[in-house]
Every structure is written in structure tokens, then in C-alpha cells.
């Protein structure tokens, strides 16, 4: 079961949006694994570990956060991720 679920619409191909996501995660010394269809990530944001997975469906990047600090709301994670990859 995931802690948070949200989707980010994108234009263009999945490889482009995933390249941005990978760069954002690895830029924070995180791990990003997967392909143009699905994968997982783990990143430390403001000294808090956030884990999740993704799935691409058409022009929609679906994210499921599977681990996050209790005090960090899903909306904060969503805003942060959207700012990095949109």
C-alpha cells in the first residue's frame, strides 16, 4: 500500500520526462531505476527519505509514494516533484 498517489501529465515522449526525473533524483544523491514503462526511486529531500515507484500510462506519469516521513504531507512531495520534472 502506498502513502500517496498522484499523476503528472506530460507532453512529448516518456523518455524525456523520465530523464528529468532521473536527473532530479540523482541530483539529490538518490537512486532511480526503471525504464520507459515503470520503475522505482529513492531520494532524500530535506534530510527525509522518500521512496516510491512510477508507471507511465500514455502521457501520464503515475507516482506512488511507498515510504515517507510521517510529518511530510503528500501535497508537499507532489509540489516538489512537479517542480523538478514539469
Protein backbone atom coordinates (compact mmCIF):
# COMPACT_ATOMS: atom_id res chain seq x y z
CA UNK A 1 0.00 0.00 0.00
CA UNK A 2 1.28 3.44 -0.84
CA UNK A 3 1.28 6.55 1.31
CA UNK A 4 0.49 8.93 -1.59
CA UNK A 5 -0.68 8.61 -5.17
CA UNK A 6 -0.70 11.32 -7.80
CA UNK A 7 -0.25 11.76 -11.54
CA UNK A 8 1.72 14.26 -13.58
CA UNK A 9 0.58 14.85 -17.16
CA UNK A 10 3.32 15.47 -19.71
CA UNK A 11 3.71 16.18 -23.39
CA UNK A 12 6.27 14.54 -25.63
CA UNK A 13 7.78 11.15 -25.05
CA UNK A 14 8.14 9.25 -21.80
CA UNK A 15 11.92 9.09 -22.11
CA UNK A 16 12.18 12.89 -21.83
CA UNK A 17 10.11 13.19 -18.64
CA UNK A 18 11.88 10.19 -17.11
CA UNK A 19 15.28 11.69 -17.94
CA UNK A 20 14.25 14.81 -15.98
CA UNK A 21 13.02 12.66 -13.10
CA UNK A 22 16.22 10.63 -13.04
CA UNK A 23 18.37 13.78 -13.11
CA UNK A 24 16.34 15.30 -10.24
CA UNK A 25 16.58 12.17 -8.10
CA UNK A 26 20.26 11.53 -8.79
CA UNK A 27 20.99 15.25 -8.29
CA UNK A 28 19.83 14.75 -4.69
CA UNK A 29 22.12 11.67 -4.37
CA UNK A 30 19.14 9.36 -4.80
CA UNK A 31 18.60 6.17 -6.77
CA UNK A 32 16.42 5.84 -9.86
CA UNK A 33 15.83 2.52 -11.62
CA UNK A 34 13.45 1.56 -14.36
CA UNK A 35 12.54 2.00 -17.98
CA UNK A 36 10.02 3.92 -20.10
CA UNK A 37 7.15 1.91 -18.59
CA UNK A 38 7.80 1.61 -14.86
CA UNK A 39 10.41 1.76 -12.15
CA UNK A 40 11.28 2.94 -8.66
CA UNK A 41 13.14 5.72 -6.92
CA UNK A 42 14.53 6.65 -3.53
CA UNK A 43 15.67 10.15 -2.64
CA UNK A 44 16.47 12.22 0.40
CA UNK A 45 14.67 15.58 0.44
CA UNK A 46 15.41 17.96 3.29
CA UNK A 47 17.07 15.06 5.17
CA UNK A 48 13.95 12.87 4.81
CA UNK A 49 13.94 9.63 2.81
CA UNK A 50 11.19 9.33 0.23
CA UNK A 51 10.63 6.07 -1.66
CA UNK A 52 8.27 5.39 -4.49
CA UNK A 53 7.57 3.87 -7.83
CA UNK A 54 6.25 5.11 -11.12
CA UNK A 55 4.27 3.86 -14.06
CA UNK A 56 3.81 5.54 -17.43
CA UNK A 57 0.35 5.34 -18.97
CA UNK A 58 0.13 7.27 -22.22
CA UNK A 59 1.07 10.86 -21.39
CA UNK A 60 0.57 10.43 -17.66
CA UNK A 61 3.31 9.72 -15.13
CA UNK A 62 1.67 7.93 -12.21
CA UNK A 63 3.59 8.11 -8.95
CA UNK A 64 3.04 6.06 -5.83
CA UNK A 65 5.00 7.14 -2.76
CA UNK A 66 5.60 4.00 -0.72
CA UNK A 67 7.65 5.50 2.08
CA UNK A 68 7.81 8.99 3.52
CA UNK A 69 8.26 10.71 6.86
CA UNK A 70 5.02 10.89 8.83
CA UNK A 71 5.15 14.67 9.16
CA UNK A 72 5.69 15.39 5.45
CA UNK A 73 2.33 15.76 3.71
CA UNK A 74 1.70 14.21 0.29
CA UNK A 75 0.94 17.64 -1.15
CA UNK A 76 4.47 18.83 -0.30
CA UNK A 77 6.01 15.83 -2.06
CA UNK A 78 3.75 16.31 -5.08
CA UNK A 79 4.62 20.02 -5.40
CA UNK A 80 8.32 19.30 -5.04
CA UNK A 81 8.33 16.53 -7.67
CA UNK A 82 6.21 18.52 -10.11
CA UNK A 83 8.57 21.48 -9.82
CA UNK A 84 11.54 19.25 -10.66
CA UNK A 85 10.12 17.37 -13.64
CA UNK A 86 7.41 19.50 -15.22
